[in-house]
């Protein structure tokens, strides 16, 4: 059995599936944005996607980031949403 590892998600309930054998797929959930497991198959699956761009699975707690980092992320997200809204509005005006 593997050493316990903890994974985090920015989404409160994250579900993924692990193939246990041909024809058998087990549903695994990060409930409350956290999963601690010693299951090697689960760890292998999560290690392939953890901390990758676009992934919502992290090896650190998102809330453990400094307030400055959180503020910067929020500002970037807000800017992106405003830019997207402008692009949609300009596209609708020309359609």
PDB file of N, CA and C in Angstrom:
ATOM      1  N   UNK A   1       0.849  -1.186   0.000  1.00  0.00           N
ATOM      2  CA  UNK A   1       0.000   0.000   0.000  1.00  0.00           C
ATOM      3  C   UNK A   1       0.892   1.247   0.000  1.00  0.00           C
ATOM      4  N   UNK A   2       0.479   2.236  -0.741  1.00  0.00           N
ATOM      5  CA  UNK A   2       1.247   3.470  -0.903  1.00  0.00           C
ATOM      6  C   UNK A   2       1.098   4.378   0.322  1.00  0.00           C
ATOM      7  N   UNK A   3       2.001   5.337   0.406  1.00  0.00           N
ATOM      8  CA  UNK A   3       1.914   6.359   1.444  1.00  0.00           C
ATOM      9  C   UNK A   3       0.696   7.246   1.172  1.00  0.00           C
ATOM     10  N   UNK A   4       0.047   7.747   2.211  1.00  0.00           N
ATOM     11  CA  UNK A   4      -1.116   8.624   1.990  1.00  0.00           C
ATOM     12  C   UNK A   4      -0.715   9.909   1.259  1.00  0.00           C
ATOM     13  N   UNK A   5      -1.510  10.288   0.280  1.00  0.00           N
ATOM     14  CA  UNK A   5      -1.328  11.549  -0.436  1.00  0.00           C
ATOM     15  C   UNK A   5      -2.657  12.286  -0.415  1.00  0.00           C
ATOM     16  N   UNK A   6      -2.560  13.589  -0.316  1.00  0.00           N
ATOM     17  CA  UNK A   6      -3.757  14.420  -0.311  1.00  0.00           C
ATOM     18  C   UNK A   6      -3.791  15.250  -1.582  1.00  0.00           C
ATOM     19  N   UNK A   7      -4.954  15.280  -2.191  1.00  0.00           N
ATOM     20  CA  UNK A   7      -5.196  16.075  -3.397  1.00  0.00           C
ATOM     21  C   UNK A   7      -6.309  17.059  -3.091  1.00  0.00           C
ATOM     22  N   UNK A   8      -6.255  18.209  -3.754  1.00  0.00           N
ATOM     23  CA  UNK A   8      -7.232  19.266  -3.517  1.00  0.00           C
ATOM     24  C   UNK A   8      -7.866  19.684  -4.837  1.00  0.00           C
ATOM     25  N   UNK A   9      -9.046  20.248  -4.741  1.00  0.00           N
ATOM     26  CA  UNK A   9      -9.738  20.771  -5.913  1.00  0.00           C
ATOM     27  C   UNK A   9     -10.401  22.089  -5.564  1.00  0.00           C
ATOM     28  N   UNK A  10     -10.482  22.955  -6.555  1.00  0.00           N
ATOM     29  CA  UNK A  10     -11.175  24.234  -6.354  1.00  0.00           C
ATOM     30  C   UNK A  10     -12.679  24.062  -6.482  1.00  0.00           C
ATOM     31  N   UNK A  11     -13.118  22.866  -6.871  1.00  0.00           N
ATOM     32  CA  UNK A  11     -14.542  22.557  -7.013  1.00  0.00           C
ATOM     33  C   UNK A  11     -14.955  21.705  -5.815  1.00  0.00           C
ATOM     34  N   UNK A  12     -16.013  22.071  -5.107  1.00  0.00           N
ATOM     35  CA  UNK A  12     -16.376  21.365  -3.864  1.00  0.00           C
ATOM     36  C   UNK A  12     -16.565  19.859  -4.006  1.00  0.00           C
ATOM     37  N   UNK A  13     -17.186  19.406  -5.085  1.00  0.00           N
ATOM     38  CA  UNK A  13     -17.353  17.968  -5.308  1.00  0.00           C
ATOM     39  C   UNK A  13     -16.859  17.668  -6.714  1.00  0.00           C
ATOM     40  N   UNK A  14     -15.739  16.977  -6.796  1.00  0.00           N
ATOM     41  CA  UNK A  14     -15.138  16.606  -8.071  1.00  0.00           C
ATOM     42  C   UNK A  14     -15.198  15.094  -8.202  1.00  0.00           C
ATOM     43  N   UNK A  15     -15.687  14.613  -9.325  1.00  0.00           N
ATOM     44  CA  UNK A  15     -15.826  13.175  -9.557  1.00  0.00           C
ATOM     45  C   UNK A  15     -14.963  12.755 -10.737  1.00  0.00           C
ATOM     46  N   UNK A  16     -14.285  11.632 -10.596  1.00  0.00           N
ATOM     47  CA  UNK A  16     -13.565  11.037 -11.709  1.00  0.00           C
ATOM     48  C   UNK A  16     -13.689   9.526 -11.584  1.00  0.00           C
ATOM     49  N   UNK A  17     -13.247   8.810 -12.602  1.00  0.00           N
ATOM     50  CA  UNK A  17     -13.403   7.363 -12.633  1.00  0.00           C
ATOM     51  C   UNK A  17     -12.061   6.678 -12.824  1.00  0.00           C
ATOM     52  N   UNK A  18     -11.876   5.574 -12.126  1.00  0.00           N
ATOM     53  CA  UNK A  18     -10.653   4.781 -12.220  1.00  0.00           C
ATOM     54  C   UNK A  18     -11.034   3.390 -12.698  1.00  0.00           C
ATOM     55  N   UNK A  19     -10.375   2.927 -13.764  1.00  0.00           N
ATOM     56  CA  UNK A  19     -10.608   1.576 -14.259  1.00  0.00           C
ATOM     57  C   UNK A  19      -9.935   0.590 -13.310  1.00  0.00           C
ATOM     58  N   UNK A  20     -10.724  -0.299 -12.733  1.00  0.00           N
ATOM     59  CA  UNK A  20     -10.181  -1.306 -11.815  1.00  0.00           C
ATOM     60  C   UNK A  20      -9.882  -2.610 -12.540  1.00  0.00           C
ATOM     61  N   UNK A  21     -10.664  -2.915 -13.538  1.00  0.00           N
ATOM     62  CA  UNK A  21     -10.470  -4.108 -14.361  1.00  0.00           C
ATOM     63  C   UNK A  21     -11.294  -3.902 -15.627  1.00  0.00           C
ATOM     64  N   UNK A  22     -11.073  -4.731 -16.631  1.00  0.00           N
ATOM     65  CA  UNK A  22     -11.888  -4.575 -17.837  1.00  0.00           C
ATOM     66  C   UNK A  22     -13.378  -4.673 -17.499  1.00  0.00           C
ATOM     67  N   UNK A  23     -14.105  -3.665 -17.866  1.00  0.00           N
ATOM     68  CA  UNK A  23     -15.539  -3.660 -17.609  1.00  0.00           C
ATOM     69  C   UNK A  23     -15.939  -3.151 -16.237  1.00  0.00           C
ATOM     70  N   UNK A  24     -14.971  -2.747 -15.406  1.00  0.00           N
ATOM     71  CA  UNK A  24     -15.326  -2.235 -14.076  1.00  0.00           C
ATOM     72  C   UNK A  24     -14.617  -0.909 -13.831  1.00  0.00           C
ATOM     73  N   UNK A  25     -15.422   0.122 -13.685  1.00  0.00           N
ATOM     74  CA  UNK A  25     -14.928   1.472 -13.470  1.00  0.00           C
ATOM     75  C   UNK A  25     -15.478   1.973 -12.134  1.00  0.00           C
ATOM     76  N   UNK A  26     -14.587   2.438 -11.266  1.00  0.00           N
ATOM     77  CA  UNK A  26     -15.023   2.909  -9.947  1.00  0.00           C
ATOM     78  C   UNK A  26     -15.044   4.432  -9.905  1.00  0.00           C
ATOM     79  N   UNK A  27     -16.124   4.980  -9.361  1.00  0.00           N
ATOM     80  CA  UNK A  27     -16.262   6.428  -9.214  1.00  0.00           C
ATOM     81  C   UNK A  27     -15.548   6.870  -7.939  1.00  0.00           C
ATOM     82  N   UNK A  28     -14.690   7.891  -8.052  1.00  0.00           N
ATOM     83  CA  UNK A  28     -13.965   8.454  -6.919  1.00  0.00           C
ATOM     84  C   UNK A  28     -14.344   9.928  -6.837  1.00  0.00           C
ATOM     85  N   UNK A  29     -14.533  10.435  -5.618  1.00  0.00           N
ATOM     86  CA  UNK A  29     -14.906  11.847  -5.447  1.00  0.00           C
ATOM     87  C   UNK A  29     -13.970  12.560  -4.487  1.00  0.00           C
ATOM     88  N   UNK A  30     -13.679  13.802  -4.815  1.00  0.00           N
ATOM     89  CA  UNK A  30     -13.038  14.720  -3.885  1.00  0.00           C
ATOM     90  C   UNK A  30     -14.176  15.515  -3.277  1.00  0.00           C
ATOM     91  N   UNK A  31     -14.577  15.153  -2.077  1.00  0.00           N
ATOM     92  CA  UNK A  31     -15.705  15.808  -1.417  1.00  0.00           C
ATOM     93  C   UNK A  31     -15.160  16.927  -0.542  1.00  0.00           C
ATOM     94  N   UNK A  32     -15.772  18.091  -0.661  1.00  0.00           N
ATOM     95  CA  UNK A  32     -15.271  19.243   0.083  1.00  0.00           C
ATOM     96  C   UNK A  32     -13.962  19.748  -0.496  1.00  0.00           C
ATOM     97  N   UNK A  33     -13.667  19.356  -1.753  1.00  0.00           N
ATOM     98  CA  UNK A  33     -12.451  19.823  -2.402  1.00  0.00           C
ATOM     99  C   UNK A  33     -11.191  19.127  -1.934  1.00  0.00           C
ATOM    100  N   UNK A  34     -11.329  17.924  -1.308  1.00  0.00           N
ATOM    101  CA  UNK A  34     -10.151  17.262  -0.761  1.00  0.00           C
ATOM    102  C   UNK A  34     -10.311  15.744  -0.798  1.00  0.00           C
ATOM    103  N   UNK A  35      -9.209  15.039  -1.079  1.00  0.00           N
ATOM    104  CA  UNK A  35      -9.184  13.580  -1.045  1.00  0.00           C
ATOM    105  C   UNK A  35      -7.812  13.137  -0.544  1.00  0.00           C
ATOM    106  N   UNK A  36      -7.802  12.327   0.495  1.00  0.00           N
ATOM    107  CA  UNK A  36      -6.578  11.686   0.968  1.00  0.00           C
ATOM    108  C   UNK A  36      -6.727  10.205   0.692  1.00  0.00           C
ATOM    109  N   UNK A  37      -5.733   9.622  -0.006  1.00  0.00           N
ATOM    110  CA  UNK A  37      -5.845   8.231  -0.407  1.00  0.00           C
ATOM    111  C   UNK A  37      -4.498   7.519  -0.329  1.00  0.00           C
ATOM    112  N   UNK A  38      -4.563   6.220  -0.101  1.00  0.00           N
ATOM    113  CA  UNK A  38      -3.389   5.358  -0.180  1.00  0.00           C
ATOM    114  C   UNK A  38      -3.514   4.407  -1.366  1.00  0.00           C
ATOM    115  N   UNK A  39      -4.578   4.536  -2.112  1.00  0.00           N
ATOM    116  CA  UNK A  39      -4.851   3.676  -3.263  1.00  0.00           C
ATOM    117  C   UNK A  39      -3.906   4.048  -4.411  1.00  0.00           C
ATOM    118  N   UNK A  40      -3.046   3.102  -4.805  1.00  0.00           N
ATOM    119  CA  UNK A  40      -2.044   3.383  -5.832  1.00  0.00           C
ATOM    120  C   UNK A  40      -2.664   3.702  -7.192  1.00  0.00           C
ATOM    121  N   UNK A  41      -3.765   3.061  -7.543  1.00  0.00           N
ATOM    122  CA  UNK A  41      -4.416   3.334  -8.825  1.00  0.00           C
ATOM    123  C   UNK A  41      -4.968   4.760  -8.861  1.00  0.00           C
ATOM    124  N   UNK A  42      -5.562   5.189  -7.767  1.00  0.00           N
ATOM    125  CA  UNK A  42      -6.099   6.550  -7.681  1.00  0.00           C
ATOM    126  C   UNK A  42      -4.954   7.560  -7.724  1.00  0.00           C
ATOM    127  N   UNK A  43      -3.888   7.297  -6.966  1.00  0.00           N
ATOM    128  CA  UNK A  43      -2.739   8.202  -6.964  1.00  0.00           C
ATOM    129  C   UNK A  43      -2.125   8.308  -8.358  1.00  0.00           C
ATOM    130  N   UNK A  44      -1.994   7.188  -9.047  1.00  0.00           N
ATOM    131  CA  UNK A  44      -1.424   7.208 -10.400  1.00  0.00           C
ATOM    132  C   UNK A  44      -2.279   8.063 -11.331  1.00  0.00           C
ATOM    133  N   UNK A  45      -3.590   7.869 -11.262  1.00  0.00           N
ATOM    134  CA  UNK A  45      -4.501   8.638 -12.111  1.00  0.00           C
ATOM    135  C   UNK A  45      -4.395  10.137 -11.799  1.00  0.00           C
ATOM    136  N   UNK A  46      -4.445  10.490 -10.522  1.00  0.00           N
ATOM    137  CA  UNK A  46      -4.406  11.910 -10.150  1.00  0.00           C
ATOM    138  C   UNK A  46      -3.041  12.532 -10.411  1.00  0.00           C
ATOM    139  N   UNK A  47      -1.962  11.776 -10.235  1.00  0.00           N
ATOM    140  CA  UNK A  47      -0.624  12.317 -10.486  1.00  0.00           C
ATOM    141  C   UNK A  47      -0.433  12.707 -11.948  1.00  0.00           C
ATOM    142  N   UNK A  48      -1.198  12.098 -12.849  1.00  0.00           N
ATOM    143  CA  UNK A  48      -1.107  12.441 -14.264  1.00  0.00           C
ATOM    144  C   UNK A  48      -1.727  13.803 -14.570  1.00  0.00           C
ATOM    145  N   UNK A  49      -2.645  14.260 -13.734  1.00  0.00           N
ATOM    146  CA  UNK A  49      -3.345  15.518 -14.028  1.00  0.00           C
ATOM    147  C   UNK A  49      -3.121  16.606 -12.987  1.00  0.00           C
ATOM    148  N   UNK A  50      -2.528  16.268 -11.848  1.00  0.00           N
ATOM    149  CA  UNK A  50      -2.383  17.234 -10.764  1.00  0.00           C
ATOM    150  C   UNK A  50      -1.466  18.390 -11.184  1.00  0.00           C
ATOM    151  N   UNK A  51      -1.873  19.607 -10.851  1.00  0.00           N
ATOM    152  CA  UNK A  51      -1.109  20.837 -11.087  1.00  0.00           C
ATOM    153  C   UNK A  51      -0.801  21.112 -12.561  1.00  0.00           C
ATOM    154  N   UNK A  52      -1.555  20.527 -13.467  1.00  0.00           N
ATOM    155  CA  UNK A  52      -1.360  20.783 -14.900  1.00  0.00           C
ATOM    156  C   UNK A  52      -2.227  21.972 -15.314  1.00  0.00           C
ATOM    157  N   UNK A  53      -1.824  22.718 -16.345  1.00  0.00           N
ATOM    158  CA  UNK A  53      -2.650  23.828 -16.812  1.00  0.00           C
ATOM    159  C   UNK A  53      -4.050  23.337 -17.191  1.00  0.00           C
ATOM    160  N   UNK A  54      -5.051  24.010 -16.697  1.00  0.00           N
ATOM    161  CA  UNK A  54      -6.435  23.655 -16.981  1.00  0.00           C
ATOM    162  C   UNK A  54      -7.022  22.629 -16.031  1.00  0.00           C
ATOM    163  N   UNK A  55      -6.198  22.021 -15.197  1.00  0.00           N
ATOM    164  CA  UNK A  55      -6.684  21.015 -14.247  1.00  0.00           C
ATOM    165  C   UNK A  55      -7.249  21.696 -13.010  1.00  0.00           C
ATOM    166  N   UNK A  56      -8.253  21.078 -12.426  1.00  0.00           N
ATOM    167  CA  UNK A  56      -8.808  21.599 -11.169  1.00  0.00           C
ATOM    168  C   UNK A  56      -8.331  20.768  -9.984  1.00  0.00           C
ATOM    169  N   UNK A  57      -7.336  19.902 -10.200  1.00  0.00           N
ATOM    170  CA  UNK A  57      -6.770  19.064  -9.147  1.00  0.00           C
ATOM    171  C   UNK A  57      -5.383  19.608  -8.812  1.00  0.00           C
ATOM    172  N   UNK A  58      -5.149  19.836  -7.521  1.00  0.00           N
ATOM    173  CA  UNK A  58      -3.896  20.438  -7.064  1.00  0.00           C
ATOM    174  C   UNK A  58      -3.238  19.578  -5.992  1.00  0.00           C
ATOM    175  N   UNK A  59      -1.912  19.739  -5.858  1.00  0.00           N
ATOM    176  CA  UNK A  59      -1.185  19.043  -4.800  1.00  0.00           C
ATOM    177  C   UNK A  59      -1.100  19.914  -3.546  1.00  0.00           C
ATOM    178  N   UNK A  60      -1.653  21.096  -3.602  1.00  0.00           N
ATOM    179  CA  UNK A  60      -1.666  22.026  -2.479  1.00  0.00           C
ATOM    180  C   UNK A  60      -3.080  22.574  -2.337  1.00  0.00           C
ATOM    181  N   UNK A  61      -3.403  23.025  -1.173  1.00  0.00           N
ATOM    182  CA  UNK A  61      -4.724  23.594  -0.952  1.00  0.00           C
ATOM    183  C   UNK A  61      -4.799  24.967  -1.605  1.00  0.00           C
ATOM    184  N   UNK A  62      -5.779  25.188  -2.480  1.00  0.00           N
ATOM    185  CA  UNK A  62      -5.902  26.510  -3.103  1.00  0.00           C
ATOM    186  C   UNK A  62      -6.024  27.636  -2.076  1.00  0.00           C
ATOM    187  N   UNK A  63      -6.590  27.335  -0.921  1.00  0.00           N
ATOM    188  CA  UNK A  63      -6.742  28.375   0.101  1.00  0.00           C
ATOM    189  C   UNK A  63      -5.436  28.659   0.826  1.00  0.00           C
ATOM    190  N   UNK A  64      -4.378  27.853   0.578  1.00  0.00           N
ATOM    191  CA  UNK A  64      -3.100  28.090   1.235  1.00  0.00           C
ATOM    192  C   UNK A  64      -2.273  29.143   0.503  1.00  0.00           C
ATOM    193  N   UNK A  65      -2.798  29.643  -0.612  1.00  0.00           N
ATOM    194  CA  UNK A  65      -2.094  30.679  -1.346  1.00  0.00           C
ATOM    195  C   UNK A  65      -2.230  32.010  -0.616  1.00  0.00           C
ATOM    196  N   UNK A  66      -1.254  32.865  -0.810  1.00  0.00           N
ATOM    197  CA  UNK A  66      -1.268  34.153  -0.128  1.00  0.00           C
ATOM    198  C   UNK A  66      -2.428  35.006  -0.639  1.00  0.00           C
ATOM    199  N   UNK A  67      -2.899  35.927   0.186  1.00  0.00           N
ATOM    200  CA  UNK A  67      -3.989  36.817  -0.240  1.00  0.00           C
ATOM    201  C   UNK A  67      -3.638  37.620  -1.495  1.00  0.00           C
ATOM    202  N   UNK A  68      -2.360  37.982  -1.660  1.00  0.00           N
ATOM    203  CA  UNK A  68      -1.955  38.721  -2.866  1.00  0.00           C
ATOM    204  C   UNK A  68      -2.158  37.879  -4.122  1.00  0.00           C
ATOM    205  N   UNK A  69      -1.802  36.601  -4.037  1.00  0.00           N
ATOM    206  CA  UNK A  69      -1.968  35.712  -5.184  1.00  0.00           C
ATOM    207  C   UNK A  69      -3.445  35.539  -5.497  1.00  0.00           C
ATOM    208  N   UNK A  70      -4.256  35.333  -4.467  1.00  0.00           N
ATOM    209  CA  UNK A  70      -5.693  35.180  -4.667  1.00  0.00           C
ATOM    210  C   UNK A  70      -6.308  36.437  -5.280  1.00  0.00           C
ATOM    211  N   UNK A  71      -5.864  37.599  -4.817  1.00  0.00           N
ATOM    212  CA  UNK A  71      -6.368  38.868  -5.346  1.00  0.00           C
ATOM    213  C   UNK A  71      -5.972  39.039  -6.814  1.00  0.00           C
ATOM    214  N   UNK A  72      -4.736  38.694  -7.139  1.00  0.00           N
ATOM    215  CA  UNK A  72      -4.273  38.796  -8.524  1.00  0.00           C
ATOM    216  C   UNK A  72      -5.055  37.858  -9.424  1.00  0.00           C
ATOM    217  N   UNK A  73      -5.274  36.623  -8.967  1.00  0.00           N
ATOM    218  CA  UNK A  73      -6.053  35.669  -9.763  1.00  0.00           C
ATOM    219  C   UNK A  73      -7.470  36.184 -10.004  1.00  0.00           C
ATOM    220  N   UNK A  74      -8.079  36.761  -8.971  1.00  0.00           N
ATOM    221  CA  UNK A  74      -9.434  37.292  -9.109  1.00  0.00           C
ATOM    222  C   UNK A  74      -9.459  38.443 -10.104  1.00  0.00           C
ATOM    223  N   UNK A  75      -8.447  39.308 -10.061  1.00  0.00           N
ATOM    224  CA  UNK A  75      -8.380  40.440 -10.990  1.00  0.00           C
ATOM    225  C   UNK A  75      -8.204  39.955 -12.431  1.00  0.00           C
ATOM    226  N   UNK A  76      -7.335  38.980 -12.631  1.00  0.00           N
ATOM    227  CA  UNK A  76      -7.118  38.439 -13.977  1.00  0.00           C
ATOM    228  C   UNK A  76      -8.398  37.791 -14.492  1.00  0.00           C
ATOM    229  N   UNK A  77      -9.075  37.036 -13.629  1.00  0.00           N
ATOM    230  CA  UNK A  77     -10.324  36.380 -14.026  1.00  0.00           C
ATOM    231  C   UNK A  77     -11.377  37.432 -14.394  1.00  0.00           C
ATOM    232  N   UNK A  78     -11.478  38.500 -13.592  1.00  0.00           N
ATOM    233  CA  UNK A  78     -12.463  39.549 -13.871  1.00  0.00           C
ATOM    234  C   UNK A  78     -12.150  40.254 -15.195  1.00  0.00           C
ATOM    235  N   UNK A  79     -10.857  40.524 -15.445  1.00  0.00           N
ATOM    236  CA  UNK A  79     -10.466  41.150 -16.714  1.00  0.00           C
ATOM    237  C   UNK A  79     -10.828  40.257 -17.898  1.00  0.00           C
ATOM    238  N   UNK A  80     -10.582  38.962 -17.748  1.00  0.00           N
ATOM    239  CA  UNK A  80     -10.894  38.017 -18.830  1.00  0.00           C
ATOM    240  C   UNK A  80     -12.401  37.967 -19.085  1.00  0.00           C
ATOM    241  N   UNK A  81     -13.188  37.993 -18.031  1.00  0.00           N
ATOM    242  CA  UNK A  81     -14.644  37.971 -18.192  1.00  0.00           C
ATOM    243  C   UNK A  81     -15.134  39.233 -18.885  1.00  0.00           C
ATOM    244  N   UNK A  82     -14.567  40.390 -18.523  1.00  0.00           N
ATOM    245  CA  UNK A  82     -14.956  41.646 -19.178  1.00  0.00           C
ATOM    246  C   UNK A  82     -14.565  41.627 -20.654  1.00  0.00           C
ATOM    247  N   UNK A  83     -13.364  41.130 -20.958  1.00  0.00           N
ATOM    248  CA  UNK A  83     -12.909  41.063 -22.342  1.00  0.00           C
ATOM    249  C   UNK A  83     -13.802  40.120 -23.151  1.00  0.00           C
ATOM    250  N   UNK A  84     -14.162  39.001 -22.553  1.00  0.00           N
ATOM    251  CA  UNK A  84     -15.044  38.056 -23.233  1.00  0.00           C
ATOM    252  C   UNK A  84     -16.406  38.681 -23.504  1.00  0.00           C
ATOM    253  N   UNK A  85     -16.943  39.390 -22.528  1.00  0.00           N
ATOM    254  CA  UNK A  85     -18.251  40.037 -22.700  1.00  0.00           C
ATOM    255  C   UNK A  85     -18.188  41.068 -23.833  1.00  0.00           C
ATOM    256  N   UNK A  86     -17.079  41.816 -23.924  1.00  0.00           N
ATOM    257  CA  UNK A  86     -16.931  42.796 -25.010  1.00  0.00           C
ATOM    258  C   UNK A  86     -16.868  42.102 -26.368  1.00  0.00           C
ATOM    259  N   UNK A  87     -16.139  40.974 -26.434  1.00  0.00           N
ATOM    260  CA  UNK A  87     -16.043  40.237 -27.702  1.00  0.00           C
ATOM    261  C   UNK A  87     -17.398  39.706 -28.123  1.00  0.00           C
ATOM    262  N   UNK A  88     -18.153  39.166 -27.169  1.00  0.00           N
ATOM    263  CA  UNK A  88     -19.481  38.639 -27.494  1.00  0.00           C
ATOM    264  C   UNK A  88     -20.380  39.777 -27.966  1.00  0.00           C
ATOM    265  N   UNK A  89     -20.355  40.897 -27.256  1.00  0.00           N
ATOM    266  CA  UNK A  89     -21.208  42.030 -27.615  1.00  0.00           C
ATOM    267  C   UNK A  89     -20.856  42.566 -29.001  1.00  0.00           C
ATOM    268  N   UNK A  90     -19.556  42.637 -29.308  1.00  0.00           N
ATOM    269  CA  UNK A  90     -19.166  43.158 -30.625  1.00  0.00           C
ATOM    270  C   UNK A  90     -19.546  42.157 -31.729  1.00  0.00           C
ATOM    271  N   UNK A  91     -19.489  40.873 -31.432  1.00  0.00           N
ATOM    272  CA  UNK A  91     -19.889  39.859 -32.404  1.00  0.00           C
ATOM    273  C   UNK A  91     -21.379  39.880 -32.662  1.00  0.00           C
ATOM    274  N   UNK A  92     -22.162  40.145 -31.636  1.00  0.00           N
ATOM    275  CA  UNK A  92     -23.611  40.209 -31.794  1.00  0.00           C
ATOM    276  C   UNK A  92     -24.023  41.432 -32.589  1.00  0.00           C
ATOM    277  N   UNK A  93     -23.263  42.509 -32.427  1.00  0.00           N
ATOM    278  CA  UNK A  93     -23.595  43.749 -33.147  1.00  0.00           C
ATOM    279  C   UNK A  93     -23.368  43.597 -34.651  1.00  0.00           C
ATOM    280  N   UNK A  94     -22.440  42.735 -35.044  1.00  0.00           N
ATOM    281  CA  UNK A  94     -22.149  42.570 -36.473  1.00  0.00           C
ATOM    282  C   UNK A  94     -22.871  41.387 -37.085  1.00  0.00           C
ATOM    283  N   UNK A  95     -23.551  40.585 -36.275  1.00  0.00           N
ATOM    284  CA  UNK A  95     -24.237  39.379 -36.791  1.00  0.00           C
ATOM    285  C   UNK A  95     -25.502  39.722 -37.492  1.00  0.00           C
TER     286      UNK A  95
END
